[in-house]
Amino acid sequence: MKWQANLPDASTWQPDSGHAENLQNGLLLTCQAAQQRIITEGAIERRFNIHNYDSGPGLEDIVRRELSNLLPDRYAIDPGVVNDRNGKTAGDADVLIRNKTWAPVVKLGATQDSRRFHFPIESIYSAMEVKQTLGFEELDEAMEKLVKVSRLERPDNPYGHITENQHLKLFDQAGQTLNPLHTTVLARGSRATSHSTTSPSD
């Protein structure tokens, strides 16, 4: 018998395409699962309320955990106080997505678990306010906080600024920046659906 007589047909070794639809939408399904965990675990926190706002910090913890699971490790997800170089502050934010590689902490918290870390606005990619139940009053309060964040002095980061200490002007694009600031209000439910645990607030 020749050595190659029983060689397998390698042309038949093709990737399995039987689950293509789910795998193509893998990230979407993962995000939907995270959303459902936030809704469900937020409802559990709410059931243990002693006072009206007791469940808020727990929901914020859940949101930060889920974002940490979804985002690459180079992004830090923390609560904290946001300041600019002129000494202005937007106060405490529930969720900050920030660059911990390029920018230092302005002031450390009293302990590692403290919420009172101070971060420079230059390091912030996104600021979020988290609400267990969202009504007009809660929306106004959250929007006030986020508008204050957006009005801190935050220099644009041009396209050619490829590292914290290297700027190649030939890559710059007029009107385009690498650091647009994203702000959002995230709520587990609205006043109209405050007893629902199956759908998030619009």
N, C-alpha and C. Protein backbone atom coordinates (compact mmCIF):
# COMPACT_ATOMS: atom_id res chain seq x y z
N MET A 1 0.84 -1.19 0.00
CA MET A 1 0.00 0.00 0.00
C MET A 1 0.88 1.24 0.00
N LYS A 2 0.53 2.16 -0.85
CA LYS A 2 1.27 3.42 -0.88
C LYS A 2 0.92 4.25 0.35
N TRP A 3 1.91 5.03 0.83
CA TRP A 3 1.74 5.78 2.07
C TRP A 3 0.60 6.79 2.00
N GLN A 4 0.30 7.31 0.77
CA GLN A 4 -0.74 8.32 0.66
C GLN A 4 -2.10 7.76 0.29
N ALA A 5 -2.26 6.47 0.27
CA ALA A 5 -3.50 5.86 -0.23
C ALA A 5 -4.71 6.21 0.63
N ASN A 6 -4.54 6.32 1.94
CA ASN A 6 -5.69 6.56 2.83
C ASN A 6 -5.70 7.97 3.42
N LEU A 7 -5.06 8.93 2.74
CA LEU A 7 -5.06 10.30 3.25
C LEU A 7 -6.48 10.87 3.17
N PRO A 8 -6.91 11.62 4.19
CA PRO A 8 -8.25 12.22 4.16
C PRO A 8 -8.31 13.34 3.13
N ASP A 9 -9.52 13.66 2.72
CA ASP A 9 -9.74 14.76 1.77
C ASP A 9 -9.85 16.06 2.57
N ALA A 10 -8.76 16.80 2.63
CA ALA A 10 -8.72 18.01 3.44
C ALA A 10 -9.64 19.11 2.90
N SER A 11 -10.06 19.02 1.65
CA SER A 11 -10.96 20.04 1.10
C SER A 11 -12.32 20.02 1.79
N THR A 12 -12.64 18.93 2.47
CA THR A 12 -13.93 18.84 3.17
C THR A 12 -13.87 19.43 4.58
N TRP A 13 -12.68 19.84 5.00
CA TRP A 13 -12.53 20.39 6.35
C TRP A 13 -12.89 21.88 6.33
N GLN A 14 -14.15 22.16 6.42
CA GLN A 14 -14.65 23.53 6.34
C GLN A 14 -15.26 23.95 7.68
N PRO A 15 -15.21 25.25 7.98
CA PRO A 15 -15.84 25.72 9.22
C PRO A 15 -17.32 25.39 9.25
N ASP A 16 -17.82 25.10 10.43
CA ASP A 16 -19.24 24.80 10.62
C ASP A 16 -20.06 26.09 10.45
N SER A 17 -21.01 26.09 9.53
CA SER A 17 -21.84 27.28 9.30
C SER A 17 -23.27 27.08 9.79
N GLY A 18 -23.49 26.03 10.54
CA GLY A 18 -24.85 25.72 10.98
C GLY A 18 -25.43 26.71 11.98
N HIS A 19 -24.56 27.48 12.66
CA HIS A 19 -25.04 28.43 13.66
C HIS A 19 -24.64 29.86 13.29
N ALA A 20 -24.54 30.11 11.99
CA ALA A 20 -24.02 31.39 11.51
C ALA A 20 -24.82 32.58 12.02
N GLU A 21 -26.15 32.45 12.06
CA GLU A 21 -26.97 33.60 12.44
C GLU A 21 -26.68 34.03 13.87
N ASN A 22 -26.63 33.08 14.80
CA ASN A 22 -26.35 33.42 16.20
C ASN A 22 -24.93 33.92 16.38
N LEU A 23 -23.97 33.29 15.69
CA LEU A 23 -22.58 33.68 15.87
C LEU A 23 -22.29 35.04 15.27
N GLN A 24 -22.96 35.37 14.14
CA GLN A 24 -22.79 36.69 13.54
C GLN A 24 -23.30 37.78 14.48
N ASN A 25 -24.31 37.45 15.27
CA ASN A 25 -24.92 38.41 16.18
C ASN A 25 -24.48 38.17 17.62
N GLY A 26 -23.30 37.57 17.78
CA GLY A 26 -22.85 37.19 19.11
C GLY A 26 -22.75 38.35 20.08
N LEU A 27 -22.19 39.48 19.62
CA LEU A 27 -22.04 40.62 20.51
C LEU A 27 -23.40 41.20 20.88
N LEU A 28 -24.31 41.25 19.91
CA LEU A 28 -25.66 41.73 20.20
C LEU A 28 -26.32 40.86 21.26
N LEU A 29 -26.23 39.55 21.12
CA LEU A 29 -26.83 38.65 22.09
C LEU A 29 -26.19 38.80 23.47
N THR A 30 -24.86 39.01 23.49
CA THR A 30 -24.16 39.21 24.75
C THR A 30 -24.64 40.49 25.43
N CYS A 31 -24.82 41.56 24.64
CA CYS A 31 -25.31 42.83 25.20
C CYS A 31 -26.74 42.69 25.69
N GLN A 32 -27.57 41.95 24.96
CA GLN A 32 -28.95 41.73 25.40
C GLN A 32 -28.99 40.95 26.71
N ALA A 33 -28.09 39.99 26.84
CA ALA A 33 -28.01 39.23 28.10
C ALA A 33 -27.59 40.14 29.25
N ALA A 34 -26.63 41.04 29.00
CA ALA A 34 -26.20 41.99 30.03
C ALA A 34 -27.35 42.90 30.42
N GLN A 35 -28.10 43.35 29.42
CA GLN A 35 -29.27 44.20 29.69
C GLN A 35 -30.27 43.48 30.58
N GLN A 36 -30.52 42.23 30.29
CA GLN A 36 -31.48 41.47 31.07
C GLN A 36 -31.00 41.26 32.51
N ARG A 37 -29.69 41.05 32.67
CA ARG A 37 -29.15 40.90 34.03
C ARG A 37 -29.31 42.20 34.82
N ILE A 38 -29.08 43.34 34.17
CA ILE A 38 -29.25 44.62 34.84
C ILE A 38 -30.70 44.79 35.29
N ILE A 39 -31.64 44.46 34.42
CA ILE A 39 -33.07 44.60 34.74
C ILE A 39 -33.45 43.68 35.89
N THR A 40 -33.06 42.41 35.78
CA THR A 40 -33.46 41.41 36.77
C THR A 40 -32.80 41.67 38.12
N GLU A 41 -31.49 41.87 38.12
CA GLU A 41 -30.79 42.08 39.39
C GLU A 41 -31.16 43.43 40.01
N GLY A 42 -31.47 44.42 39.15
CA GLY A 42 -31.96 45.70 39.66
C GLY A 42 -33.28 45.55 40.38
N ALA A 43 -34.14 44.69 39.85
CA ALA A 43 -35.44 44.43 40.50
C ALA A 43 -35.24 43.76 41.86
N ILE A 44 -34.27 42.88 41.94
CA ILE A 44 -33.98 42.23 43.23
C ILE A 44 -33.51 43.28 44.24
N GLU A 45 -32.61 44.16 43.81
CA GLU A 45 -32.15 45.23 44.71
C GLU A 45 -33.32 46.06 45.19
N ARG A 46 -34.25 46.34 44.30
CA ARG A 46 -35.41 47.16 44.65
C ARG A 46 -36.29 46.48 45.69
N ARG A 47 -36.40 45.16 45.60
CA ARG A 47 -37.24 44.42 46.56
C ARG A 47 -36.67 44.48 47.97
N PHE A 48 -35.39 44.74 48.10
CA PHE A 48 -34.76 44.83 49.42
C PHE A 48 -34.69 46.26 49.93
N ASN A 49 -35.36 47.18 49.24
CA ASN A 49 -35.37 48.58 49.69
C ASN A 49 -35.95 48.70 51.10
N ILE A 50 -35.29 49.50 51.90
CA ILE A 50 -35.87 49.95 53.17
C ILE A 50 -36.36 51.38 53.00
N HIS A 51 -35.54 52.18 52.30
CA HIS A 51 -35.91 53.54 51.94
C HIS A 51 -35.94 53.65 50.42
N ASN A 52 -36.52 54.70 49.89
CA ASN A 52 -36.77 54.82 48.46
C ASN A 52 -35.53 54.65 47.59
N TYR A 53 -34.40 55.19 48.03
CA TYR A 53 -33.21 55.22 47.17
C TYR A 53 -32.18 54.15 47.53
N ASP A 54 -32.55 53.21 48.36
CA ASP A 54 -31.59 52.19 48.80
C ASP A 54 -31.03 51.35 47.66
N SER A 55 -31.85 51.09 46.65
CA SER A 55 -31.43 50.18 45.58
C SER A 55 -30.54 50.86 44.56
N GLY A 56 -30.44 52.20 44.58
CA GLY A 56 -29.65 52.92 43.58
C GLY A 56 -28.20 52.51 43.53
N PRO A 57 -27.48 52.53 44.66
CA PRO A 57 -26.07 52.14 44.62
C PRO A 57 -25.85 50.70 44.13
N GLY A 58 -26.74 49.79 44.50
CA GLY A 58 -26.61 48.41 44.03
C GLY A 58 -26.77 48.32 42.52
N LEU A 59 -27.74 49.05 41.98
CA LEU A 59 -27.94 49.05 40.52
C LEU A 59 -26.73 49.64 39.81
N GLU A 60 -26.16 50.69 40.37
CA GLU A 60 -24.96 51.29 39.78
C GLU A 60 -23.82 50.27 39.75
N ASP A 61 -23.66 49.52 40.83
CA ASP A 61 -22.62 48.47 40.88
C ASP A 61 -22.84 47.45 39.78
N ILE A 62 -24.10 47.06 39.57
CA ILE A 62 -24.42 46.06 38.54
C ILE A 62 -24.08 46.60 37.16
N VAL A 63 -24.44 47.84 36.89
CA VAL A 63 -24.16 48.45 35.59
C VAL A 63 -22.65 48.51 35.35
N ARG A 64 -21.89 48.95 36.34
CA ARG A 64 -20.44 49.02 36.17
C ARG A 64 -19.84 47.64 35.94
N ARG A 65 -20.35 46.64 36.64
CA ARG A 65 -19.85 45.27 36.43
C ARG A 65 -20.11 44.80 35.01
N GLU A 66 -21.31 45.02 34.51
CA GLU A 66 -21.65 44.55 33.17
C GLU A 66 -20.84 45.30 32.10
N LEU A 67 -20.63 46.59 32.28
CA LEU A 67 -19.80 47.33 31.33
C LEU A 67 -18.36 46.84 31.38
N SER A 68 -17.86 46.53 32.57
CA SER A 68 -16.50 46.01 32.71
C SER A 68 -16.35 44.69 31.97
N ASN A 69 -17.39 43.87 31.98
CA ASN A 69 -17.35 42.59 31.28
C ASN A 69 -17.36 42.78 29.76
N LEU A 70 -18.00 43.83 29.28
CA LEU A 70 -18.16 44.03 27.85
C LEU A 70 -17.01 44.79 27.20
N LEU A 71 -16.41 45.74 27.92
CA LEU A 71 -15.42 46.61 27.32
C LEU A 71 -14.01 46.03 27.42
N PRO A 72 -13.13 46.39 26.50
CA PRO A 72 -11.73 45.95 26.60
C PRO A 72 -11.08 46.44 27.88
N ASP A 73 -10.03 45.74 28.30
CA ASP A 73 -9.39 46.05 29.58
C ASP A 73 -8.76 47.43 29.62
N ARG A 74 -8.49 48.04 28.48
CA ARG A 74 -7.85 49.36 28.52
C ARG A 74 -8.79 50.46 28.97
N TYR A 75 -10.09 50.15 29.09
CA TYR A 75 -11.04 51.11 29.62
C TYR A 75 -11.31 50.81 31.09
N ALA A 76 -11.25 51.85 31.92
CA ALA A 76 -11.61 51.71 33.33
C ALA A 76 -13.03 52.19 33.52
N ILE A 77 -13.79 51.50 34.35
CA ILE A 77 -15.17 51.87 34.64
C ILE A 77 -15.28 52.12 36.14
N ASP A 78 -15.54 53.37 36.50
CA ASP A 78 -15.54 53.76 37.91
C ASP A 78 -16.63 54.80 38.17
N PRO A 79 -17.06 54.93 39.43
CA PRO A 79 -17.77 56.14 39.83
C PRO A 79 -16.72 57.17 40.21
N GLY A 80 -17.08 58.42 40.29
CA GLY A 80 -16.11 59.40 40.73
C GLY A 80 -16.50 60.82 40.42
N VAL A 81 -15.63 61.74 40.83
CA VAL A 81 -15.83 63.17 40.66
C VAL A 81 -15.02 63.63 39.45
N VAL A 82 -15.64 64.44 38.59
CA VAL A 82 -14.98 64.90 37.38
C VAL A 82 -14.64 66.39 37.51
N ASN A 83 -13.38 66.73 37.26
CA ASN A 83 -12.89 68.10 37.37
C ASN A 83 -12.17 68.50 36.09
N ASP A 84 -12.06 69.83 35.87
CA ASP A 84 -11.20 70.30 34.78
C ASP A 84 -10.01 71.05 35.34
N ARG A 85 -9.11 71.48 34.47
CA ARG A 85 -7.85 72.08 34.92
C ARG A 85 -8.03 73.48 35.49
N ASN A 86 -9.24 74.05 35.33
CA ASN A 86 -9.53 75.36 35.90
C ASN A 86 -10.12 75.26 37.30
N GLY A 87 -10.21 74.04 37.82
CA GLY A 87 -10.76 73.84 39.16
C GLY A 87 -12.26 73.72 39.19
N LYS A 88 -12.91 73.68 38.04
CA LYS A 88 -14.36 73.49 38.00
C LYS A 88 -14.68 72.00 38.09
N THR A 89 -15.85 71.69 38.63
CA THR A 89 -16.23 70.29 38.80
C THR A 89 -17.69 70.08 38.42
N ALA A 90 -17.97 68.90 37.93
CA ALA A 90 -19.35 68.49 37.66
C ALA A 90 -19.88 67.63 38.79
N GLY A 91 -19.06 67.42 39.82
CA GLY A 91 -19.49 66.60 40.94
C GLY A 91 -19.37 65.12 40.65
N ASP A 92 -20.09 64.35 41.44
CA ASP A 92 -20.00 62.89 41.42
C ASP A 92 -20.83 62.30 40.30
N ALA A 93 -20.26 61.38 39.54
CA ALA A 93 -20.97 60.67 38.46
C ALA A 93 -21.06 59.18 38.82
N ASP A 94 -22.18 58.57 38.42
CA ASP A 94 -22.41 57.15 38.75
C ASP A 94 -21.48 56.22 38.01
N VAL A 95 -21.27 56.48 36.72
CA VAL A 95 -20.43 55.62 35.88
C VAL A 95 -19.56 56.50 35.00
N LEU A 96 -18.26 56.28 35.07
CA LEU A 96 -17.32 56.97 34.19
C LEU A 96 -16.52 55.92 33.43
N ILE A 97 -16.50 56.03 32.11
CA ILE A 97 -15.62 55.20 31.29
C ILE A 97 -14.43 56.08 30.95
N ARG A 98 -13.24 55.66 31.36
CA ARG A 98 -12.11 56.57 31.27
C ARG A 98 -10.84 55.85 30.82
N ASN A 99 -9.89 56.66 30.43
CA ASN A 99 -8.58 56.17 30.02
C ASN A 99 -7.66 56.23 31.24
N LYS A 100 -7.32 55.08 31.77
CA LYS A 100 -6.46 55.06 32.96
C LYS A 100 -4.98 54.95 32.59
N THR A 101 -4.70 54.84 31.28
CA THR A 101 -3.32 54.71 30.83
C THR A 101 -2.69 56.07 30.58
N TRP A 102 -3.44 56.99 30.00
CA TRP A 102 -2.88 58.27 29.62
C TRP A 102 -3.00 59.33 30.71
N ALA A 103 -3.94 59.19 31.62
CA ALA A 103 -4.20 60.27 32.58
C ALA A 103 -4.20 59.73 34.00
N PRO A 104 -3.60 60.45 34.93
CA PRO A 104 -3.57 60.01 36.32
C PRO A 104 -4.87 60.35 37.04
N VAL A 105 -5.04 59.80 38.21
CA VAL A 105 -6.13 60.20 39.10
C VAL A 105 -5.71 61.53 39.73
N VAL A 106 -6.61 62.51 39.75
CA VAL A 106 -6.29 63.81 40.34
C VAL A 106 -6.16 63.69 41.85
N LYS A 107 -7.09 62.98 42.46
CA LYS A 107 -7.04 62.73 43.90
C LYS A 107 -7.54 61.33 44.18
N LEU A 108 -6.76 60.58 44.94
CA LEU A 108 -7.17 59.24 45.31
C LEU A 108 -8.31 59.29 46.32
N GLY A 109 -9.12 58.24 46.33
CA GLY A 109 -10.16 58.14 47.33
C GLY A 109 -9.59 57.82 48.69
N ALA A 110 -10.39 57.98 49.73
CA ALA A 110 -9.93 57.69 51.09
C ALA A 110 -9.51 56.22 51.21
N THR A 111 -10.21 55.33 50.53
CA THR A 111 -9.84 53.91 50.45
C THR A 111 -9.98 53.47 49.01
N GLN A 112 -9.54 52.27 48.71
CA GLN A 112 -9.60 51.77 47.34
C GLN A 112 -11.04 51.64 46.86
N ASP A 113 -11.97 51.40 47.78
CA ASP A 113 -13.37 51.23 47.42
C ASP A 113 -14.15 52.54 47.49
N SER A 114 -13.47 53.63 47.79
CA SER A 114 -14.16 54.92 47.92
C SER A 114 -14.74 55.37 46.58
N ARG A 115 -15.84 56.08 46.67
CA ARG A 115 -16.47 56.66 45.49
C ARG A 115 -15.86 58.02 45.17
N ARG A 116 -15.08 58.58 46.08
CA ARG A 116 -14.62 59.96 45.95
C ARG A 116 -13.22 60.06 45.32
N PHE A 117 -12.99 59.33 44.26
CA PHE A 117 -11.81 59.54 43.44
C PHE A 117 -12.11 60.73 42.52
N HIS A 118 -11.12 61.58 42.29
CA HIS A 118 -11.28 62.71 41.39
C HIS A 118 -10.52 62.43 40.09
N PHE A 119 -11.22 62.57 38.96
CA PHE A 119 -10.62 62.28 37.66
C PHE A 119 -10.63 63.54 36.78
N PRO A 120 -9.61 63.71 35.95
CA PRO A 120 -9.60 64.85 35.02
C PRO A 120 -10.55 64.59 33.85
N ILE A 121 -11.23 65.64 33.41
CA ILE A 121 -12.17 65.49 32.31
C ILE A 121 -11.48 65.00 31.04
N GLU A 122 -10.17 65.29 30.90
CA GLU A 122 -9.45 64.85 29.70
C GLU A 122 -9.42 63.33 29.57
N SER A 123 -9.55 62.62 30.69
CA SER A 123 -9.45 61.16 30.65
C SER A 123 -10.80 60.48 30.45
N ILE A 124 -11.88 61.25 30.41
CA ILE A 124 -13.22 60.67 30.38
C ILE A 124 -13.72 60.48 28.95
N TYR A 125 -14.12 59.26 28.62
CA TYR A 125 -14.77 58.98 27.35
C TYR A 125 -16.29 59.10 27.46
N SER A 126 -16.82 58.67 28.60
CA SER A 126 -18.27 58.64 28.76
C SER A 126 -18.64 58.83 30.22
N ALA A 127 -19.71 59.58 30.45
CA ALA A 127 -20.27 59.75 31.79
C ALA A 127 -21.73 59.33 31.75
N MET A 128 -22.14 58.55 32.75
CA MET A 128 -23.51 58.03 32.80
C MET A 128 -24.12 58.28 34.17
N GLU A 129 -25.40 58.56 34.15
CA GLU A 129 -26.18 58.60 35.37
C GLU A 129 -27.15 57.42 35.34
N VAL A 130 -27.23 56.69 36.44
CA VAL A 130 -28.03 55.47 36.53
C VAL A 130 -29.20 55.71 37.47
N LYS A 131 -30.41 55.38 36.99
CA LYS A 131 -31.61 55.55 37.79
C LYS A 131 -32.37 54.24 37.86
N GLN A 132 -32.82 53.90 39.06
CA GLN A 132 -33.66 52.72 39.22
C GLN A 132 -35.00 52.94 38.53
N THR A 133 -35.63 54.07 38.80
CA THR A 133 -36.90 54.43 38.18
C THR A 133 -36.80 55.86 37.68
N LEU A 134 -37.16 56.07 36.43
CA LEU A 134 -36.96 57.38 35.81
C LEU A 134 -38.30 58.09 35.60
N GLY A 135 -38.42 59.25 36.23
CA GLY A 135 -39.52 60.16 35.99
C GLY A 135 -38.94 61.49 35.54
N PHE A 136 -39.81 62.49 35.38
CA PHE A 136 -39.32 63.78 34.91
C PHE A 136 -38.33 64.41 35.89
N GLU A 137 -38.59 64.29 37.17
CA GLU A 137 -37.70 64.87 38.17
C GLU A 137 -36.33 64.21 38.13
N GLU A 138 -36.31 62.88 38.04
CA GLU A 138 -35.05 62.14 37.99
C GLU A 138 -34.30 62.44 36.69
N LEU A 139 -35.05 62.59 35.60
CA LEU A 139 -34.41 62.90 34.31
C LEU A 139 -33.76 64.28 34.35
N ASP A 140 -34.48 65.27 34.91
CA ASP A 140 -33.91 66.61 35.02
C ASP A 140 -32.64 66.59 35.86
N GLU A 141 -32.66 65.87 36.97
CA GLU A 141 -31.49 65.78 37.85
C GLU A 141 -30.31 65.15 37.13
N ALA A 142 -30.58 64.06 36.41
CA ALA A 142 -29.50 63.37 35.69
C ALA A 142 -28.97 64.23 34.56
N MET A 143 -29.86 64.88 33.82
CA MET A 143 -29.43 65.72 32.71
C MET A 143 -28.61 66.91 33.19
N GLU A 144 -28.98 67.48 34.33
CA GLU A 144 -28.19 68.59 34.88
C GLU A 144 -26.76 68.15 35.14
N LYS A 145 -26.59 66.97 35.72
CA LYS A 145 -25.25 66.46 36.00
C LYS A 145 -24.46 66.27 34.70
N LEU A 146 -25.09 65.68 33.69
CA LEU A 146 -24.38 65.38 32.45
C LEU A 146 -24.07 66.64 31.65
N VAL A 147 -24.95 67.61 31.69
CA VAL A 147 -24.68 68.88 31.01
C VAL A 147 -23.48 69.57 31.67
N LYS A 148 -23.41 69.51 33.00
CA LYS A 148 -22.26 70.08 33.70
C LYS A 148 -20.97 69.38 33.28
N VAL A 149 -21.01 68.06 33.15
CA VAL A 149 -19.83 67.33 32.69
C VAL A 149 -19.41 67.83 31.30
N SER A 150 -20.37 67.96 30.41
CA SER A 150 -20.06 68.35 29.03
C SER A 150 -19.56 69.79 28.92
N ARG A 151 -19.81 70.61 29.95
CA ARG A 151 -19.39 72.01 29.91
C ARG A 151 -18.07 72.27 30.63
N LEU A 152 -17.45 71.23 31.16
CA LEU A 152 -16.10 71.38 31.68
C LEU A 152 -15.14 71.60 30.51
N GLU A 153 -14.03 72.28 30.78
CA GLU A 153 -13.06 72.51 29.71
C GLU A 153 -12.33 71.21 29.40
N ARG A 154 -12.48 70.78 28.18
CA ARG A 154 -11.93 69.49 27.77
C ARG A 154 -11.34 69.65 26.37
N PRO A 155 -10.03 69.82 26.27
CA PRO A 155 -9.41 70.04 24.95
C PRO A 155 -9.69 68.88 24.00
N ASP A 156 -9.91 69.23 22.73
CA ASP A 156 -10.09 68.20 21.71
C ASP A 156 -8.79 67.44 21.51
N ASN A 157 -8.92 66.16 21.22
CA ASN A 157 -7.78 65.32 20.93
C ASN A 157 -7.76 65.06 19.43
N PRO A 158 -6.89 65.73 18.66
CA PRO A 158 -6.92 65.59 17.20
C PRO A 158 -6.49 64.20 16.75
N TYR A 159 -6.82 63.88 15.50
CA TYR A 159 -6.55 62.55 14.96
C TYR A 159 -5.08 62.18 14.99
N GLY A 160 -4.21 63.18 14.86
CA GLY A 160 -2.78 62.88 14.83
C GLY A 160 -2.16 62.63 16.19
N HIS A 161 -2.95 62.79 17.24
CA HIS A 161 -2.42 62.58 18.59
C HIS A 161 -2.52 61.09 18.92
N ILE A 162 -1.55 60.33 18.44
CA ILE A 162 -1.68 58.88 18.45
C ILE A 162 -1.28 58.24 19.78
N THR A 163 -0.45 58.91 20.57
CA THR A 163 -0.16 58.49 21.94
C THR A 163 -0.18 59.72 22.82
N GLU A 164 -0.02 59.52 24.13
CA GLU A 164 -0.10 60.66 25.03
C GLU A 164 1.00 61.68 24.79
N ASN A 165 2.10 61.31 24.14
CA ASN A 165 3.21 62.24 23.94
C ASN A 165 3.71 62.27 22.49
N GLN A 166 2.85 61.88 21.54
CA GLN A 166 3.25 61.91 20.14
C GLN A 166 2.08 62.39 19.28
N HIS A 167 2.31 63.48 18.55
CA HIS A 167 1.28 64.08 17.70
C HIS A 167 1.83 64.22 16.29
N LEU A 168 1.22 63.48 15.35
CA LEU A 168 1.61 63.55 13.94
C LEU A 168 0.56 64.37 13.20
N LYS A 169 0.89 65.62 12.91
CA LYS A 169 -0.09 66.56 12.36
C LYS A 169 -0.61 66.13 10.99
N LEU A 170 0.16 65.36 10.25
CA LEU A 170 -0.29 64.95 8.92
C LEU A 170 -1.52 64.05 8.98
N PHE A 171 -1.80 63.45 10.15
CA PHE A 171 -2.98 62.60 10.31
C PHE A 171 -4.22 63.37 10.76
N ASP A 172 -4.06 64.63 11.14
CA ASP A 172 -5.19 65.42 11.62
C ASP A 172 -6.24 65.59 10.53
N GLN A 173 -7.51 65.62 10.96
CA GLN A 173 -8.63 65.85 10.05
C GLN A 173 -9.48 66.98 10.60
N ALA A 174 -9.68 68.00 9.80
CA ALA A 174 -10.40 69.19 10.24
C ALA A 174 -11.78 68.83 10.77
N GLY A 175 -12.09 69.30 11.97
CA GLY A 175 -13.41 69.07 12.55
C GLY A 175 -13.60 67.69 13.17
N GLN A 176 -12.58 66.84 13.13
CA GLN A 176 -12.69 65.49 13.67
C GLN A 176 -11.79 65.34 14.90
N THR A 177 -12.28 64.66 15.91
CA THR A 177 -11.49 64.43 17.11
C THR A 177 -11.53 62.95 17.48
N LEU A 178 -10.55 62.56 18.27
CA LEU A 178 -10.48 61.18 18.76
C LEU A 178 -11.21 61.00 20.08
N ASN A 179 -11.66 62.10 20.69
CA ASN A 179 -12.22 61.98 22.03
C ASN A 179 -13.59 62.65 22.17
N PRO A 180 -14.55 62.30 21.33
CA PRO A 180 -15.89 62.84 21.58
C PRO A 180 -16.40 62.34 22.94
N LEU A 181 -17.07 63.22 23.65
CA LEU A 181 -17.59 62.85 24.98
C LEU A 181 -19.00 62.31 24.85
N HIS A 182 -19.21 61.11 25.37
CA HIS A 182 -20.52 60.48 25.33
C HIS A 182 -21.17 60.58 26.70
N THR A 183 -22.41 61.02 26.74
CA THR A 183 -23.15 61.07 28.00
C THR A 183 -24.50 60.37 27.81
N THR A 184 -24.97 59.72 28.86
CA THR A 184 -26.26 59.04 28.76
C THR A 184 -26.89 58.85 30.13
N VAL A 185 -28.20 58.75 30.12
CA VAL A 185 -28.95 58.39 31.32
C VAL A 185 -29.45 56.97 31.12
N LEU A 186 -29.15 56.10 32.06
CA LEU A 186 -29.57 54.70 31.97
C LEU A 186 -30.54 54.43 33.12
N ALA A 187 -31.71 53.90 32.78
CA ALA A 187 -32.72 53.60 33.80
C ALA A 187 -33.23 52.18 33.66
N ARG A 188 -33.48 51.53 34.79
CA ARG A 188 -34.03 50.18 34.76
C ARG A 188 -35.50 50.20 34.38
N GLY A 189 -36.22 51.27 34.77
CA GLY A 189 -37.64 51.37 34.45
C GLY A 189 -38.08 52.82 34.53
N SER A 190 -39.24 53.11 33.97
CA SER A 190 -39.79 54.45 34.05
C SER A 190 -40.92 54.47 35.07
N ARG A 191 -41.39 55.67 35.40
CA ARG A 191 -42.51 55.77 36.34
C ARG A 191 -43.73 54.99 35.84
N ALA A 192 -43.92 55.02 34.53
CA ALA A 192 -45.08 54.33 33.95
C ALA A 192 -44.93 52.82 34.02
N THR A 193 -43.66 52.34 34.07
CA THR A 193 -43.41 50.88 34.08
C THR A 193 -42.59 50.49 35.28
N SER A 194 -42.76 51.20 36.39
CA SER A 194 -41.88 51.00 37.55
C SER A 194 -42.00 49.62 38.16
N HIS A 195 -43.09 48.91 37.87
CA HIS A 195 -43.24 47.56 38.45
C HIS A 195 -42.82 46.48 37.46
N SER A 196 -42.41 46.88 36.26
CA SER A 196 -42.02 45.89 35.25
C SER A 196 -40.58 45.45 35.49
N THR A 197 -40.32 44.17 35.29
CA THR A 197 -38.96 43.66 35.37
C THR A 197 -38.56 43.00 34.06
N THR A 198 -39.34 43.25 33.00
CA THR A 198 -39.06 42.56 31.74
C THR A 198 -38.60 43.49 30.64
N SER A 199 -38.71 44.80 30.82
CA SER A 199 -38.27 45.70 29.75
C SER A 199 -37.66 46.94 30.35
N PRO A 200 -36.59 47.47 29.69
CA PRO A 200 -35.95 48.68 30.20
C PRO A 200 -36.74 49.91 29.86
N SER A 201 -36.37 51.02 30.49
CA SER A 201 -37.00 52.29 30.17
C SER A 201 -36.53 52.77 28.82
N ASP A 202 -37.40 53.47 28.11
CA ASP A 202 -37.00 54.14 26.87
C ASP A 202 -36.15 55.34 27.21
